[in-house]
Amino acid sequence: MIAEGLVIFSCLNHAGCSETSSHYYSLHPEVREMVELNEKRIKKYVGPMFIETAGPLLFVAAGGTGTIRLHKYFSLQFDRQSGILSFKKDY
């Protein structure tokens, strides 16, 4: 109960929201399972192609940064002002 309150407080004050929510997410496996189950349900309902293309576009429209995977190694990261083509290969 206290941990949830800290996450809510930090996100409402725009101070450390990503850090506290990431930490809470990593410490509570039941939350991870619930999120993964909901993601699978959404992908099954609307399709993975819609999620991978419309999701980032909606995020950019809300003022964030979206990333669309173009190929196995190439992706396009963009916001309202610019776009970046990136190459990433893990070893």
PDB file of N, CA and C in Angstrom:
ATOM      1  N   MET A   1       0.817  -1.191   0.000  1.00  0.00           N
ATOM      2  CA  MET A   1       0.000   0.000   0.000  1.00  0.00           C
ATOM      3  C   MET A   1       0.865   1.262   0.000  1.00  0.00           C
ATOM      4  N   ILE A   2       1.950   1.238   0.768  1.00  0.00           N
ATOM      5  CA  ILE A   2       2.833   2.404   0.810  1.00  0.00           C
ATOM      6  C   ILE A   2       3.569   2.565  -0.519  1.00  0.00           C
ATOM      7  N   ALA A   3       3.998   1.429  -1.102  1.00  0.00           N
ATOM      8  CA  ALA A   3       4.721   1.496  -2.373  1.00  0.00           C
ATOM      9  C   ALA A   3       3.849   2.081  -3.477  1.00  0.00           C
ATOM     10  N   GLU A   4       2.597   1.675  -3.519  1.00  0.00           N
ATOM     11  CA  GLU A   4       1.677   2.217  -4.528  1.00  0.00           C
ATOM     12  C   GLU A   4       1.476   3.709  -4.328  1.00  0.00           C
ATOM     13  N   GLY A   5       1.373   4.131  -3.088  1.00  0.00           N
ATOM     14  CA  GLY A   5       1.220   5.549  -2.789  1.00  0.00           C
ATOM     15  C   GLY A   5       2.422   6.364  -3.231  1.00  0.00           C
ATOM     16  N   LEU A   6       3.627   5.804  -3.044  1.00  0.00           N
ATOM     17  CA  LEU A   6       4.830   6.502  -3.483  1.00  0.00           C
ATOM     18  C   LEU A   6       4.873   6.649  -5.005  1.00  0.00           C
ATOM     19  N   VAL A   7       4.467   5.609  -5.713  1.00  0.00           N
ATOM     20  CA  VAL A   7       4.446   5.682  -7.178  1.00  0.00           C
ATOM     21  C   VAL A   7       3.445   6.741  -7.631  1.00  0.00           C
ATOM     22  N   ILE A   8       2.256   6.723  -7.054  1.00  0.00           N
ATOM     23  CA  ILE A   8       1.234   7.709  -7.420  1.00  0.00           C
ATOM     24  C   ILE A   8       1.698   9.123  -7.096  1.00  0.00           C
ATOM     25  N   PHE A   9       2.287   9.302  -5.923  1.00  0.00           N
ATOM     26  CA  PHE A   9       2.769  10.626  -5.511  1.00  0.00           C
ATOM     27  C   PHE A   9       3.856  11.139  -6.446  1.00  0.00           C
ATOM     28  N   SER A  10       4.827  10.273  -6.800  1.00  0.00           N
ATOM     29  CA  SER A  10       5.916  10.719  -7.669  1.00  0.00           C
ATOM     30  C   SER A  10       5.418  11.038  -9.075  1.00  0.00           C
ATOM     31  N   CYS A  11       4.439  10.274  -9.551  1.00  0.00           N
ATOM     32  CA  CYS A  11       3.923  10.548 -10.894  1.00  0.00           C
ATOM     33  C   CYS A  11       3.046  11.801 -10.923  1.00  0.00           C
ATOM     34  N   LEU A  12       2.294  12.039  -9.874  1.00  0.00           N
ATOM     35  CA  LEU A  12       1.478  13.255  -9.827  1.00  0.00           C
ATOM     36  C   LEU A  12       2.334  14.509  -9.734  1.00  0.00           C
ATOM     37  N   ASN A  13       3.500  14.408  -9.074  1.00  0.00           N
ATOM     38  CA  ASN A  13       4.390  15.556  -8.934  1.00  0.00           C
ATOM     39  C   ASN A  13       5.423  15.649 -10.045  1.00  0.00           C
ATOM     40  N   HIS A  14       5.371  14.734 -11.006  1.00  0.00           N
ATOM     41  CA  HIS A  14       6.297  14.721 -12.144  1.00  0.00           C
ATOM     42  C   HIS A  14       7.756  14.688 -11.680  1.00  0.00           C
ATOM     43  N   ALA A  15       8.031  13.940 -10.628  1.00  0.00           N
ATOM     44  CA  ALA A  15       9.398  13.833 -10.118  1.00  0.00           C
ATOM     45  C   ALA A  15       9.706  12.370  -9.842  1.00  0.00           C
ATOM     46  N   GLY A  16      10.468  11.743 -10.722  1.00  0.00           N
ATOM     47  CA  GLY A  16      10.877  10.364 -10.506  1.00  0.00           C
ATOM     48  C   GLY A  16       9.821   9.334 -10.839  1.00  0.00           C
ATOM     49  N   CYS A  17       8.887   9.672 -11.690  1.00  0.00           N
ATOM     50  CA  CYS A  17       7.794   8.754 -12.017  1.00  0.00           C
ATOM     51  C   CYS A  17       8.319   7.490 -12.699  1.00  0.00           C
ATOM     52  N   SER A  18       9.177   7.637 -13.685  1.00  0.00           N
ATOM     53  CA  SER A  18       9.663   6.461 -14.411  1.00  0.00           C
ATOM     54  C   SER A  18      10.507   5.559 -13.515  1.00  0.00           C
ATOM     55  N   GLU A  19      11.309   6.152 -12.629  1.00  0.00           N
ATOM     56  CA  GLU A  19      12.150   5.352 -11.744  1.00  0.00           C
ATOM     57  C   GLU A  19      11.321   4.570 -10.732  1.00  0.00           C
ATOM     58  N   THR A  20      10.372   5.242 -10.085  1.00  0.00           N
ATOM     59  CA  THR A  20       9.574   4.560  -9.064  1.00  0.00           C
ATOM     60  C   THR A  20       8.636   3.528  -9.685  1.00  0.00           C
ATOM     61  N   SER A  21       8.050   3.852 -10.826  1.00  0.00           N
ATOM     62  CA  SER A  21       7.152   2.876 -11.450  1.00  0.00           C
ATOM     63  C   SER A  21       7.926   1.678 -11.987  1.00  0.00           C
ATOM     64  N   SER A  22       9.132   1.884 -12.526  1.00  0.00           N
ATOM     65  CA  SER A  22       9.958   0.768 -12.984  1.00  0.00           C
ATOM     66  C   SER A  22      10.379  -0.124 -11.829  1.00  0.00           C
ATOM     67  N   HIS A  23      10.737   0.486 -10.723  1.00  0.00           N
ATOM     68  CA  HIS A  23      11.132  -0.283  -9.540  1.00  0.00           C
ATOM     69  C   HIS A  23       9.953  -1.083  -8.995  1.00  0.00           C
ATOM     70  N   TYR A  24       8.793  -0.461  -8.924  1.00  0.00           N
ATOM     71  CA  TYR A  24       7.591  -1.155  -8.453  1.00  0.00           C
ATOM     72  C   TYR A  24       7.253  -2.317  -9.388  1.00  0.00           C
ATOM     73  N   TYR A  25       7.349  -2.092 -10.675  1.00  0.00           N
ATOM     74  CA  TYR A  25       7.056  -3.118 -11.682  1.00  0.00           C
ATOM     75  C   TYR A  25       8.006  -4.297 -11.549  1.00  0.00           C
ATOM     76  N   SER A  26       9.280  -4.019 -11.279  1.00  0.00           N
ATOM     77  CA  SER A  26      10.258  -5.107 -11.156  1.00  0.00           C
ATOM     78  C   SER A  26      10.096  -5.895  -9.865  1.00  0.00           C
ATOM     79  N   LEU A  27       9.565  -5.301  -8.816  1.00  0.00           N
ATOM     80  CA  LEU A  27       9.409  -5.990  -7.535  1.00  0.00           C
ATOM     81  C   LEU A  27       8.097  -6.761  -7.403  1.00  0.00           C
ATOM     82  N   HIS A  28       7.142  -6.527  -8.284  1.00  0.00           N
ATOM     83  CA  HIS A  28       5.836  -7.163  -8.167  1.00  0.00           C
ATOM     84  C   HIS A  28       5.539  -7.997  -9.414  1.00  0.00           C
ATOM     85  N   PRO A  29       5.827  -9.301  -9.362  1.00  0.00           N
ATOM     86  CA  PRO A  29       5.608 -10.157 -10.544  1.00  0.00           C
ATOM     87  C   PRO A  29       4.137 -10.278 -10.938  1.00  0.00           C
ATOM     88  N   GLU A  30       3.218 -10.121  -9.988  1.00  0.00           N
ATOM     89  CA  GLU A  30       1.799 -10.211 -10.334  1.00  0.00           C
ATOM     90  C   GLU A  30       1.371  -9.054 -11.230  1.00  0.00           C
ATOM     91  N   VAL A  31       2.005  -7.908 -11.077  1.00  0.00           N
ATOM     92  CA  VAL A  31       1.706  -6.770 -11.946  1.00  0.00           C
ATOM     93  C   VAL A  31       2.234  -7.046 -13.353  1.00  0.00           C
ATOM     94  N   ARG A  32       3.450  -7.605 -13.436  1.00  0.00           N
ATOM     95  CA  ARG A  32       4.017  -7.960 -14.744  1.00  0.00           C
ATOM     96  C   ARG A  32       3.117  -8.957 -15.465  1.00  0.00           C
ATOM     97  N   GLU A  33       2.636  -9.970 -14.754  1.00  0.00           N
ATOM     98  CA  GLU A  33       1.766 -10.977 -15.365  1.00  0.00           C
ATOM     99  C   GLU A  33       0.471 -10.353 -15.870  1.00  0.00           C
ATOM    100  N   MET A  34      -0.103  -9.450 -15.079  1.00  0.00           N
ATOM    101  CA  MET A  34      -1.341  -8.794 -15.474  1.00  0.00           C
ATOM    102  C   MET A  34      -1.127  -7.933 -16.722  1.00  0.00           C
ATOM    103  N   VAL A  35      -0.017  -7.190 -16.770  1.00  0.00           N
ATOM    104  CA  VAL A  35       0.278  -6.348 -17.929  1.00  0.00           C
ATOM    105  C   VAL A  35       0.504  -7.201 -19.173  1.00  0.00           C
ATOM    106  N   GLU A  36       1.262  -8.286 -19.034  1.00  0.00           N
ATOM    107  CA  GLU A  36       1.523  -9.159 -20.179  1.00  0.00           C
ATOM    108  C   GLU A  36       0.242  -9.814 -20.679  1.00  0.00           C
ATOM    109  N   LEU A  37      -0.632 -10.227 -19.776  1.00  0.00           N
ATOM    110  CA  LEU A  37      -1.904 -10.827 -20.167  1.00  0.00           C
ATOM    111  C   LEU A  37      -2.771  -9.818 -20.915  1.00  0.00           C
ATOM    112  N   ASN A  38      -2.821  -8.587 -20.423  1.00  0.00           N
ATOM    113  CA  ASN A  38      -3.602  -7.547 -21.109  1.00  0.00           C
ATOM    114  C   ASN A  38      -3.017  -7.199 -22.469  1.00  0.00           C
ATOM    115  N   GLU A  39      -1.687  -7.198 -22.579  1.00  0.00           N
ATOM    116  CA  GLU A  39      -1.058  -6.936 -23.875  1.00  0.00           C
ATOM    117  C   GLU A  39      -1.415  -8.026 -24.876  1.00  0.00           C
ATOM    118  N   LYS A  40      -1.409  -9.282 -24.435  1.00  0.00           N
ATOM    119  CA  LYS A  40      -1.772 -10.388 -25.334  1.00  0.00           C
ATOM    120  C   LYS A  40      -3.225 -10.282 -25.770  1.00  0.00           C
ATOM    121  N   ARG A  41      -4.098  -9.907 -24.846  1.00  0.00           N
ATOM    122  CA  ARG A  41      -5.511  -9.760 -25.194  1.00  0.00           C
ATOM    123  C   ARG A  41      -5.718  -8.656 -26.216  1.00  0.00           C
ATOM    124  N   ILE A  42      -5.035  -7.536 -26.045  1.00  0.00           N
ATOM    125  CA  ILE A  42      -5.174  -6.415 -26.978  1.00  0.00           C
ATOM    126  C   ILE A  42      -4.635  -6.800 -28.353  1.00  0.00           C
ATOM    127  N   LYS A  43      -3.470  -7.447 -28.386  1.00  0.00           N
ATOM    128  CA  LYS A  43      -2.902  -7.866 -29.672  1.00  0.00           C
ATOM    129  C   LYS A  43      -3.808  -8.861 -30.372  1.00  0.00           C
ATOM    130  N   LYS A  44      -4.422  -9.743 -29.617  1.00  0.00           N
ATOM    131  CA  LYS A  44      -5.338 -10.719 -30.202  1.00  0.00           C
ATOM    132  C   LYS A  44      -6.585 -10.032 -30.751  1.00  0.00           C
ATOM    133  N   TYR A  45      -7.051  -9.006 -30.070  1.00  0.00           N
ATOM    134  CA  TYR A  45      -8.279  -8.315 -30.467  1.00  0.00           C
ATOM    135  C   TYR A  45      -8.080  -7.419 -31.693  1.00  0.00           C
ATOM    136  N   VAL A  46      -7.052  -6.592 -31.690  1.00  0.00           N
ATOM    137  CA  VAL A  46      -6.866  -5.634 -32.793  1.00  0.00           C
ATOM    138  C   VAL A  46      -5.767  -6.031 -33.766  1.00  0.00           C
ATOM    139  N   GLY A  47      -4.917  -6.965 -33.403  1.00  0.00           N
ATOM    140  CA  GLY A  47      -3.853  -7.412 -34.290  1.00  0.00           C
ATOM    141  C   GLY A  47      -2.532  -6.737 -33.987  1.00  0.00           C
ATOM    142  N   PRO A  48      -1.441  -7.478 -34.135  1.00  0.00           N
ATOM    143  CA  PRO A  48      -0.121  -6.925 -33.801  1.00  0.00           C
ATOM    144  C   PRO A  48       0.337  -5.819 -34.746  1.00  0.00           C
ATOM    145  N   MET A  49      -0.064  -5.877 -36.006  1.00  0.00           N
ATOM    146  CA  MET A  49       0.358  -4.845 -36.955  1.00  0.00           C
ATOM    147  C   MET A  49      -0.233  -3.488 -36.585  1.00  0.00           C
ATOM    148  N   PHE A  50      -1.476  -3.472 -36.147  1.00  0.00           N
ATOM    149  CA  PHE A  50      -2.110  -2.226 -35.716  1.00  0.00           C
ATOM    150  C   PHE A  50      -1.403  -1.661 -34.496  1.00  0.00           C
ATOM    151  N   ILE A  51      -1.054  -2.529 -33.543  1.00  0.00           N
ATOM    152  CA  ILE A  51      -0.375  -2.093 -32.320  1.00  0.00           C
ATOM    153  C   ILE A  51       0.987  -1.495 -32.645  1.00  0.00           C
ATOM    154  N   GLU A  52       1.726  -2.128 -33.556  1.00  0.00           N
ATOM    155  CA  GLU A  52       3.087  -1.687 -33.857  1.00  0.00           C
ATOM    156  C   GLU A  52       3.137  -0.425 -34.710  1.00  0.00           C
ATOM    157  N   THR A  53       2.070  -0.089 -35.414  1.00  0.00           N
ATOM    158  CA  THR A  53       2.088   1.126 -36.233  1.00  0.00           C
ATOM    159  C   THR A  53       1.239   2.241 -35.645  1.00  0.00           C
ATOM    160  N   ALA A  54       0.032   1.947 -35.249  1.00  0.00           N
ATOM    161  CA  ALA A  54      -0.852   2.991 -34.727  1.00  0.00           C
ATOM    162  C   ALA A  54      -0.461   3.412 -33.323  1.00  0.00           C
ATOM    163  N   GLY A  55       0.056   2.487 -32.530  1.00  0.00           N
ATOM    164  CA  GLY A  55       0.454   2.817 -31.161  1.00  0.00           C
ATOM    165  C   GLY A  55       1.478   3.936 -31.090  1.00  0.00           C
ATOM    166  N   PRO A  56       2.607   3.824 -31.804  1.00  0.00           N
ATOM    167  CA  PRO A  56       3.584   4.916 -31.785  1.00  0.00           C
ATOM    168  C   PRO A  56       3.048   6.224 -32.352  1.00  0.00           C
ATOM    169  N   LEU A  57       2.192   6.148 -33.359  1.00  0.00           N
ATOM    170  CA  LEU A  57       1.623   7.377 -33.923  1.00  0.00           C
ATOM    171  C   LEU A  57       0.727   8.085 -32.910  1.00  0.00           C
ATOM    172  N   LEU A  58      -0.053   7.317 -32.180  1.00  0.00           N
ATOM    173  CA  LEU A  58      -0.900   7.913 -31.144  1.00  0.00           C
ATOM    174  C   LEU A  58      -0.053   8.497 -30.017  1.00  0.00           C
ATOM    175  N   PHE A  59       1.062   7.832 -29.696  1.00  0.00           N
ATOM    176  CA  PHE A  59       1.946   8.331 -28.646  1.00  0.00           C
ATOM    177  C   PHE A  59       2.578   9.655 -29.058  1.00  0.00           C
ATOM    178  N   VAL A  60       2.957   9.784 -30.321  1.00  0.00           N
ATOM    179  CA  VAL A  60       3.525  11.048 -30.822  1.00  0.00           C
ATOM    180  C   VAL A  60       2.460  12.134 -30.801  1.00  0.00           C
ATOM    181  N   ALA A  61       1.242  11.789 -31.158  1.00  0.00           N
ATOM    182  CA  ALA A  61       0.157  12.767 -31.129  1.00  0.00           C
ATOM    183  C   ALA A  61      -0.089  13.274 -29.711  1.00  0.00           C
ATOM    184  N   ALA A  62       0.194  12.442 -28.720  1.00  0.00           N
ATOM    185  CA  ALA A  62       0.023  12.849 -27.325  1.00  0.00           C
ATOM    186  C   ALA A  62       1.220  13.648 -26.812  1.00  0.00           C
ATOM    187  N   GLY A  63       2.268  13.798 -27.634  1.00  0.00           N
ATOM    188  CA  GLY A  63       3.422  14.601 -27.236  1.00  0.00           C
ATOM    189  C   GLY A  63       4.646  13.804 -26.875  1.00  0.00           C
ATOM    190  N   GLY A  64       4.647  12.512 -27.108  1.00  0.00           N
ATOM    191  CA  GLY A  64       5.797  11.672 -26.767  1.00  0.00           C
ATOM    192  C   GLY A  64       6.670  11.377 -27.971  1.00  0.00           C
ATOM    193  N   THR A  65       7.497  10.351 -27.843  1.00  0.00           N
ATOM    194  CA  THR A  65       8.375   9.898 -28.903  1.00  0.00           C
ATOM    195  C   THR A  65       7.956   8.487 -29.291  1.00  0.00           C
ATOM    196  N   GLY A  66       7.741   8.255 -30.577  1.00  0.00           N
ATOM    197  CA  GLY A  66       7.313   6.947 -31.055  1.00  0.00           C
ATOM    198  C   GLY A  66       8.415   6.247 -31.818  1.00  0.00           C
ATOM    199  N   THR A  67       8.390   4.921 -31.792  1.00  0.00           N
ATOM    200  CA  THR A  67       9.372   4.120 -32.516  1.00  0.00           C
ATOM    201  C   THR A  67       8.641   3.043 -33.299  1.00  0.00           C
ATOM    202  N   ILE A  68       8.920   2.983 -34.593  1.00  0.00           N
ATOM    203  CA  ILE A  68       8.351   1.960 -35.458  1.00  0.00           C
ATOM    204  C   ILE A  68       9.494   1.127 -36.021  1.00  0.00           C
ATOM    205  N   ARG A  69       9.404  -0.172 -35.848  1.00  0.00           N
ATOM    206  CA  ARG A  69      10.429  -1.072 -36.387  1.00  0.00           C
ATOM    207  C   ARG A  69      10.169  -1.258 -37.874  1.00  0.00           C
ATOM    208  N   LEU A  70      11.183  -0.964 -38.687  1.00  0.00           N
ATOM    209  CA  LEU A  70      11.075  -1.089 -40.134  1.00  0.00           C
ATOM    210  C   LEU A  70      11.598  -2.426 -40.624  1.00  0.00           C
ATOM    211  N   HIS A  71      12.610  -2.935 -39.949  1.00  0.00           N
ATOM    212  CA  HIS A  71      13.287  -4.171 -40.317  1.00  0.00           C
ATOM    213  C   HIS A  71      13.843  -4.767 -39.050  1.00  0.00           C
ATOM    214  N   LYS A  72      14.488  -5.904 -39.169  1.00  0.00           N
ATOM    215  CA  LYS A  72      15.063  -6.558 -37.989  1.00  0.00           C
ATOM    216  C   LYS A  72      16.059  -5.653 -37.265  1.00  0.00           C
ATOM    217  N   TYR A  73      16.818  -4.866 -38.016  1.00  0.00           N
ATOM    218  CA  TYR A  73      17.858  -4.023 -37.421  1.00  0.00           C
ATOM    219  C   TYR A  73      17.560  -2.522 -37.508  1.00  0.00           C
ATOM    220  N   PHE A  74      16.604  -2.122 -38.315  1.00  0.00           N
ATOM    221  CA  PHE A  74      16.333  -0.702 -38.530  1.00  0.00           C
ATOM    222  C   PHE A  74      15.006  -0.295 -37.884  1.00  0.00           C
ATOM    223  N   SER A  75      15.015   0.898 -37.315  1.00  0.00           N
ATOM    224  CA  SER A  75      13.780   1.444 -36.758  1.00  0.00           C
ATOM    225  C   SER A  75      13.752   2.948 -36.995  1.00  0.00           C
ATOM    226  N   LEU A  76      12.561   3.491 -36.944  1.00  0.00           N
ATOM    227  CA  LEU A  76      12.348   4.918 -37.125  1.00  0.00           C
ATOM    228  C   LEU A  76      11.810   5.474 -35.818  1.00  0.00           C
ATOM    229  N   GLN A  77      12.568   6.392 -35.230  1.00  0.00           N
ATOM    230  CA  GLN A  77      12.163   7.034 -33.981  1.00  0.00           C
ATOM    231  C   GLN A  77      11.829   8.485 -34.309  1.00  0.00           C
ATOM    232  N   PHE A  78      10.652   8.931 -33.885  1.00  0.00           N
ATOM    233  CA  PHE A  78      10.233  10.276 -34.263  1.00  0.00           C
ATOM    234  C   PHE A  78       9.397  10.918 -33.164  1.00  0.00           C
ATOM    235  N   ASP A  79       9.376  12.243 -33.229  1.00  0.00           N
ATOM    236  CA  ASP A  79       8.492  13.043 -32.378  1.00  0.00           C
ATOM    237  C   ASP A  79       7.863  14.097 -33.281  1.00  0.00           C
ATOM    238  N   ARG A  80       7.298  15.128 -32.710  1.00  0.00           N
ATOM    239  CA  ARG A  80       6.593  16.117 -33.529  1.00  0.00           C
ATOM    240  C   ARG A  80       7.527  16.958 -34.391  1.00  0.00           C
ATOM    241  N   GLN A  81       8.797  17.109 -33.985  1.00  0.00           N
ATOM    242  CA  GLN A  81       9.715  17.967 -34.721  1.00  0.00           C
ATOM    243  C   GLN A  81      10.682  17.220 -35.633  1.00  0.00           C
ATOM    244  N   SER A  82      11.050  15.991 -35.299  1.00  0.00           N
ATOM    245  CA  SER A  82      12.099  15.330 -36.067  1.00  0.00           C
ATOM    246  C   SER A  82      11.901  13.826 -36.104  1.00  0.00           C
ATOM    247  N   GLY A  83      12.689  13.200 -36.963  1.00  0.00           N
ATOM    248  CA  GLY A  83      12.704  11.749 -37.080  1.00  0.00           C
ATOM    249  C   GLY A  83      14.124  11.244 -37.192  1.00  0.00           C
ATOM    250  N   ILE A  84      14.375  10.060 -36.633  1.00  0.00           N
ATOM    251  CA  ILE A  84      15.720   9.483 -36.652  1.00  0.00           C
ATOM    252  C   ILE A  84      15.609   8.040 -37.139  1.00  0.00           C
ATOM    253  N   LEU A  85      16.404   7.696 -38.139  1.00  0.00           N
ATOM    254  CA  LEU A  85      16.518   6.317 -38.594  1.00  0.00           C
ATOM    255  C   LEU A  85      17.682   5.704 -37.842  1.00  0.00           C
ATOM    256  N   SER A  86      17.444   4.602 -37.134  1.00  0.00           N
ATOM    257  CA  SER A  86      18.508   4.017 -36.322  1.00  0.00           C
ATOM    258  C   SER A  86      18.760   2.570 -36.719  1.00  0.00           C
ATOM    259  N   PHE A  87      20.000   2.155 -36.517  1.00  0.00           N
ATOM    260  CA  PHE A  87      20.446   0.791 -36.772  1.00  0.00           C
ATOM    261  C   PHE A  87      20.930   0.225 -35.450  1.00  0.00           C
ATOM    262  N   LYS A  88      20.453  -0.976 -35.113  1.00  0.00           N
ATOM    263  CA  LYS A  88      20.844  -1.594 -33.853  1.00  0.00           C
ATOM    264  C   LYS A  88      21.009  -3.085 -34.055  1.00  0.00           C
ATOM    265  N   LYS A  89      22.164  -3.592 -33.669  1.00  0.00           N
ATOM    266  CA  LYS A  89      22.434  -5.018 -33.738  1.00  0.00           C
ATOM    267  C   LYS A  89      23.064  -5.442 -32.438  1.00  0.00           C
ATOM    268  N   ASP A  90      22.468  -6.424 -31.784  1.00  0.00           N
ATOM    269  CA  ASP A  90      22.986  -6.913 -30.515  1.00  0.00           C
ATOM    270  C   ASP A  90      23.856  -8.135 -30.756  1.00  0.00           C
ATOM    271  N   TYR A  91      24.907  -8.234 -29.974  1.00  0.00           N
ATOM    272  CA  TYR A  91      25.807  -9.386 -30.060  1.00  0.00           C
ATOM    273  C   TYR A  91      25.744 -10.197 -28.811  1.00  0.00           C
TER     274      TYR A  91
END
